[in-house]
Every structure is written in C-alpha cells, then in structure tokens.
Amino acid sequence: IDVNNAFLNGSLKEDIYMKQHEGFNIQYPTLVCRLKKAIYGLKQAPRAWFAKLASTLITFGFKPAKCDNSLCILVNAVHTIYIYIY
C-alpha cells in the first residue's frame, strides 16, 4: 500500500531549524522555525518514518527478519504474515 503523508508522521531525533517563508511573520522576518516533525524534502524524513512504522509493527508482535531489517514477520498458530517496507 502507499501511505499518504507518511513522512509527516516521523519524529526527529535532532533539532532541525528552517527559515520562514517570505511574508510569514512580517514583524520578525529573521526568525527561524524549529521542526517538531519530519517534513517532505528533509533528508531525515524517510528514516524517521521507517523507525516509526517499524516500532509500531513490533508492538503488534512483528519481528524484523535477520536477513533484512525492511522485512517484518509475524508468525502465529494460523498465519505467517510478511510485510516488506519499501
């Protein structure tokens, strides 16, 4: 599946600042903004999203495969479920 706005859900582990868009705050045009979440175009965004998704899958009982961390596996008495994160 394709998750819309996926990268906007990742949490950042470091402080990242960006300039305001022109005209955003006319009183303080030199202020910068500290990001609370990842945004598209940020080089850390894919990794932050992967970490969020992988930790969520682990809470549901999935385990990362030893051969590939992008492959998560859930085995129970009835089914084996494979999820590959790409």
N, C-alpha and C. Protein backbone atom coordinates (compact mmCIF):
# COMPACT_ATOMS: atom_id res chain seq x y z
N ILE A 1 0.84 -1.18 0.00
CA ILE A 1 0.00 0.00 0.00
C ILE A 1 0.88 1.24 0.00
N ASP A 2 0.34 2.32 -0.47
CA ASP A 2 1.03 3.60 -0.44
C ASP A 2 0.39 4.44 0.65
N VAL A 3 1.16 4.85 1.62
CA VAL A 3 0.63 5.61 2.75
C VAL A 3 0.77 7.10 2.44
N ASN A 4 -0.37 7.78 2.34
CA ASN A 4 -0.35 9.22 2.07
C ASN A 4 0.23 9.98 3.26
N ASN A 5 1.05 10.96 2.98
CA ASN A 5 1.65 11.82 4.01
C ASN A 5 2.47 11.04 5.03
N ALA A 6 3.02 9.93 4.63
CA ALA A 6 3.76 9.06 5.56
C ALA A 6 4.91 9.79 6.24
N PHE A 7 5.69 10.53 5.48
CA PHE A 7 6.88 11.16 6.04
C PHE A 7 6.54 12.23 7.07
N LEU A 8 5.31 12.70 7.09
CA LEU A 8 4.92 13.73 8.06
C LEU A 8 4.69 13.15 9.45
N ASN A 9 4.71 11.84 9.57
CA ASN A 9 4.46 11.18 10.86
C ASN A 9 5.73 10.79 11.60
N GLY A 10 6.87 10.97 10.99
CA GLY A 10 8.12 10.59 11.64
C GLY A 10 8.57 11.63 12.66
N SER A 11 9.11 11.17 13.76
CA SER A 11 9.64 12.07 14.79
C SER A 11 11.14 12.25 14.59
N LEU A 12 11.60 13.46 14.79
CA LEU A 12 13.01 13.77 14.61
C LEU A 12 13.78 13.55 15.90
N LYS A 13 15.00 13.05 15.79
CA LYS A 13 15.85 12.81 16.96
C LYS A 13 16.84 13.94 17.18
N GLU A 14 16.85 14.91 16.29
CA GLU A 14 17.78 16.03 16.40
C GLU A 14 17.02 17.33 16.15
N ASP A 15 17.59 18.43 16.60
CA ASP A 15 16.97 19.73 16.36
C ASP A 15 17.29 20.18 14.94
N ILE A 16 16.25 20.51 14.20
CA ILE A 16 16.41 20.99 12.83
C ILE A 16 15.63 22.29 12.71
N TYR A 17 16.29 23.31 12.16
CA TYR A 17 15.69 24.63 12.01
C TYR A 17 15.56 24.96 10.53
N MET A 18 14.54 25.76 10.21
CA MET A 18 14.38 26.20 8.84
C MET A 18 13.97 27.67 8.84
N LYS A 19 14.31 28.36 7.75
CA LYS A 19 13.91 29.75 7.60
C LYS A 19 12.41 29.82 7.36
N GLN A 20 11.84 30.95 7.77
CA GLN A 20 10.42 31.19 7.49
C GLN A 20 10.23 31.46 6.00
N HIS A 21 9.04 31.15 5.51
CA HIS A 21 8.70 31.55 4.16
C HIS A 21 8.53 33.06 4.14
N GLU A 22 8.87 33.68 3.03
CA GLU A 22 8.78 35.12 2.91
C GLU A 22 7.35 35.58 3.20
N GLY A 23 7.21 36.57 4.08
CA GLY A 23 5.91 37.12 4.43
C GLY A 23 5.19 36.37 5.54
N PHE A 24 5.78 35.31 6.08
CA PHE A 24 5.11 34.52 7.11
C PHE A 24 4.92 35.33 8.39
N ASN A 25 5.98 35.96 8.89
CA ASN A 25 5.90 36.79 10.08
C ASN A 25 6.63 38.09 9.78
N ILE A 26 5.87 39.07 9.36
CA ILE A 26 6.47 40.34 8.90
C ILE A 26 7.19 41.06 10.03
N GLN A 27 6.71 40.92 11.28
CA GLN A 27 7.34 41.60 12.41
C GLN A 27 8.74 41.06 12.70
N TYR A 28 8.95 39.77 12.48
CA TYR A 28 10.23 39.14 12.78
C TYR A 28 10.71 38.33 11.57
N PRO A 29 11.14 38.99 10.53
CA PRO A 29 11.49 38.27 9.29
C PRO A 29 12.73 37.38 9.40
N THR A 30 13.55 37.58 10.43
CA THR A 30 14.76 36.76 10.55
C THR A 30 14.59 35.58 11.50
N LEU A 31 13.41 35.41 12.07
CA LEU A 31 13.18 34.26 12.95
C LEU A 31 13.27 32.96 12.16
N VAL A 32 13.72 31.92 12.83
CA VAL A 32 13.73 30.59 12.23
C VAL A 32 12.75 29.71 12.99
N CYS A 33 12.34 28.62 12.38
CA CYS A 33 11.39 27.70 12.99
C CYS A 33 12.08 26.38 13.30
N ARG A 34 11.83 25.84 14.49
CA ARG A 34 12.35 24.51 14.84
C ARG A 34 11.27 23.49 14.50
N LEU A 35 11.66 22.49 13.72
CA LEU A 35 10.71 21.48 13.30
C LEU A 35 10.41 20.52 14.45
N LYS A 36 9.13 20.20 14.64
CA LYS A 36 8.72 19.21 15.63
C LYS A 36 8.57 17.83 15.01
N LYS A 37 8.29 17.80 13.72
CA LYS A 37 8.10 16.55 12.98
C LYS A 37 8.86 16.65 11.67
N ALA A 38 9.07 15.51 11.05
CA ALA A 38 9.73 15.48 9.75
C ALA A 38 8.79 16.06 8.69
N ILE A 39 9.37 16.66 7.65
CA ILE A 39 8.59 17.17 6.53
C ILE A 39 9.19 16.62 5.25
N TYR A 40 8.39 16.63 4.19
CA TYR A 40 8.88 16.16 2.89
C TYR A 40 10.05 17.01 2.44
N GLY A 41 11.03 16.38 1.84
CA GLY A 41 12.22 17.06 1.37
C GLY A 41 13.35 17.06 2.38
N LEU A 42 13.06 16.72 3.61
CA LEU A 42 14.08 16.65 4.65
C LEU A 42 14.80 15.31 4.53
N LYS A 43 16.12 15.34 4.55
CA LYS A 43 16.85 14.08 4.33
C LYS A 43 16.62 13.06 5.45
N GLN A 44 16.22 13.52 6.63
CA GLN A 44 15.95 12.61 7.75
C GLN A 44 14.54 12.01 7.70
N ALA A 45 13.67 12.51 6.84
CA ALA A 45 12.26 12.10 6.82
C ALA A 45 12.06 10.61 6.54
N PRO A 46 12.71 10.02 5.54
CA PRO A 46 12.49 8.58 5.31
C PRO A 46 12.90 7.71 6.49
N ARG A 47 14.01 8.03 7.10
CA ARG A 47 14.49 7.24 8.24
C ARG A 47 13.55 7.39 9.44
N ALA A 48 13.07 8.61 9.68
CA ALA A 48 12.15 8.85 10.80
C ALA A 48 10.85 8.08 10.60
N TRP A 49 10.35 8.04 9.36
CA TRP A 49 9.13 7.28 9.07
C TRP A 49 9.36 5.79 9.24
N PHE A 50 10.49 5.30 8.75
CA PHE A 50 10.80 3.87 8.89
C PHE A 50 10.84 3.48 10.37
N ALA A 51 11.50 4.29 11.19
CA ALA A 51 11.61 3.99 12.62
C ALA A 51 10.23 3.96 13.28
N LYS A 52 9.37 4.90 12.91
CA LYS A 52 8.01 4.95 13.47
C LYS A 52 7.21 3.72 13.07
N LEU A 53 7.25 3.36 11.79
CA LEU A 53 6.49 2.21 11.30
C LEU A 53 7.03 0.91 11.89
N ALA A 54 8.34 0.74 11.91
CA ALA A 54 8.94 -0.48 12.44
C ALA A 54 8.61 -0.66 13.92
N SER A 55 8.68 0.41 14.70
CA SER A 55 8.36 0.28 16.13
C SER A 55 6.88 -0.04 16.34
N THR A 56 6.02 0.49 15.49
CA THR A 56 4.59 0.17 15.58
C THR A 56 4.34 -1.29 15.25
N LEU A 57 4.99 -1.80 14.21
CA LEU A 57 4.83 -3.21 13.85
C LEU A 57 5.33 -4.13 14.97
N ILE A 58 6.41 -3.74 15.62
CA ILE A 58 6.95 -4.54 16.73
C ILE A 58 5.94 -4.62 17.87
N THR A 59 5.22 -3.52 18.14
CA THR A 59 4.21 -3.56 19.21
C THR A 59 3.07 -4.53 18.88
N PHE A 60 2.87 -4.82 17.60
CA PHE A 60 1.84 -5.79 17.18
C PHE A 60 2.39 -7.21 17.11
N GLY A 61 3.66 -7.39 17.48
CA GLY A 61 4.23 -8.72 17.52
C GLY A 61 5.11 -9.09 16.34
N PHE A 62 5.28 -8.19 15.38
CA PHE A 62 6.17 -8.46 14.25
C PHE A 62 7.61 -8.41 14.72
N LYS A 63 8.47 -9.15 14.03
CA LYS A 63 9.90 -9.12 14.31
C LYS A 63 10.64 -8.85 13.01
N PRO A 64 11.70 -8.03 13.08
CA PRO A 64 12.48 -7.80 11.86
C PRO A 64 13.22 -9.08 11.47
N ALA A 65 13.27 -9.35 10.17
CA ALA A 65 13.98 -10.53 9.68
C ALA A 65 15.48 -10.35 9.89
N LYS A 66 16.17 -11.43 10.16
CA LYS A 66 17.62 -11.37 10.35
C LYS A 66 18.34 -11.03 9.05
N CYS A 67 17.74 -11.41 7.93
CA CYS A 67 18.39 -11.19 6.63
C CYS A 67 18.17 -9.78 6.09
N ASP A 68 17.11 -9.07 6.56
CA ASP A 68 16.77 -7.76 6.01
C ASP A 68 15.88 -7.02 7.01
N ASN A 69 16.36 -5.89 7.54
CA ASN A 69 15.59 -5.13 8.52
C ASN A 69 14.31 -4.53 7.95
N SER A 70 14.21 -4.46 6.62
CA SER A 70 12.99 -3.93 5.99
C SER A 70 11.88 -4.96 5.93
N LEU A 71 12.18 -6.20 6.24
CA LEU A 71 11.20 -7.27 6.23
C LEU A 71 10.78 -7.57 7.67
N CYS A 72 9.48 -7.44 7.94
CA CYS A 72 8.94 -7.75 9.27
C CYS A 72 8.05 -8.97 9.16
N ILE A 73 8.16 -9.87 10.13
CA ILE A 73 7.46 -11.15 10.08
C ILE A 73 6.67 -11.35 11.37
N LEU A 74 5.42 -11.81 11.20
CA LEU A 74 4.59 -12.19 12.33
C LEU A 74 4.16 -13.63 12.11
N VAL A 75 4.48 -14.49 13.06
CA VAL A 75 4.11 -15.91 12.96
C VAL A 75 3.20 -16.23 14.14
N ASN A 76 2.03 -16.80 13.83
CA ASN A 76 1.16 -17.30 14.89
C ASN A 76 0.68 -18.70 14.49
N ALA A 77 -0.23 -19.27 15.24
CA ALA A 77 -0.67 -20.65 15.01
C ALA A 77 -1.40 -20.82 13.68
N VAL A 78 -1.98 -19.75 13.16
CA VAL A 78 -2.80 -19.85 11.95
C VAL A 78 -2.10 -19.31 10.71
N HIS A 79 -1.42 -18.18 10.84
CA HIS A 79 -0.86 -17.49 9.68
C HIS A 79 0.59 -17.07 9.91
N THR A 80 1.27 -16.86 8.82
CA THR A 80 2.55 -16.16 8.82
C THR A 80 2.36 -14.94 7.93
N ILE A 81 2.66 -13.76 8.47
CA ILE A 81 2.46 -12.52 7.73
C ILE A 81 3.82 -11.88 7.50
N TYR A 82 4.08 -11.51 6.25
CA TYR A 82 5.31 -10.82 5.87
C TYR A 82 4.94 -9.41 5.42
N ILE A 83 5.64 -8.42 5.96
CA ILE A 83 5.48 -7.04 5.50
C ILE A 83 6.87 -6.53 5.13
N TYR A 84 7.00 -6.11 3.88
CA TYR A 84 8.27 -5.54 3.42
C TYR A 84 8.09 -4.04 3.29
N ILE A 85 8.91 -3.28 3.96
CA ILE A 85 8.82 -1.82 3.96
C ILE A 85 9.77 -1.28 2.90
N TYR A 86 9.19 -0.61 1.91
CA TYR A 86 9.98 -0.08 0.80
C TYR A 86 9.60 1.34 0.54
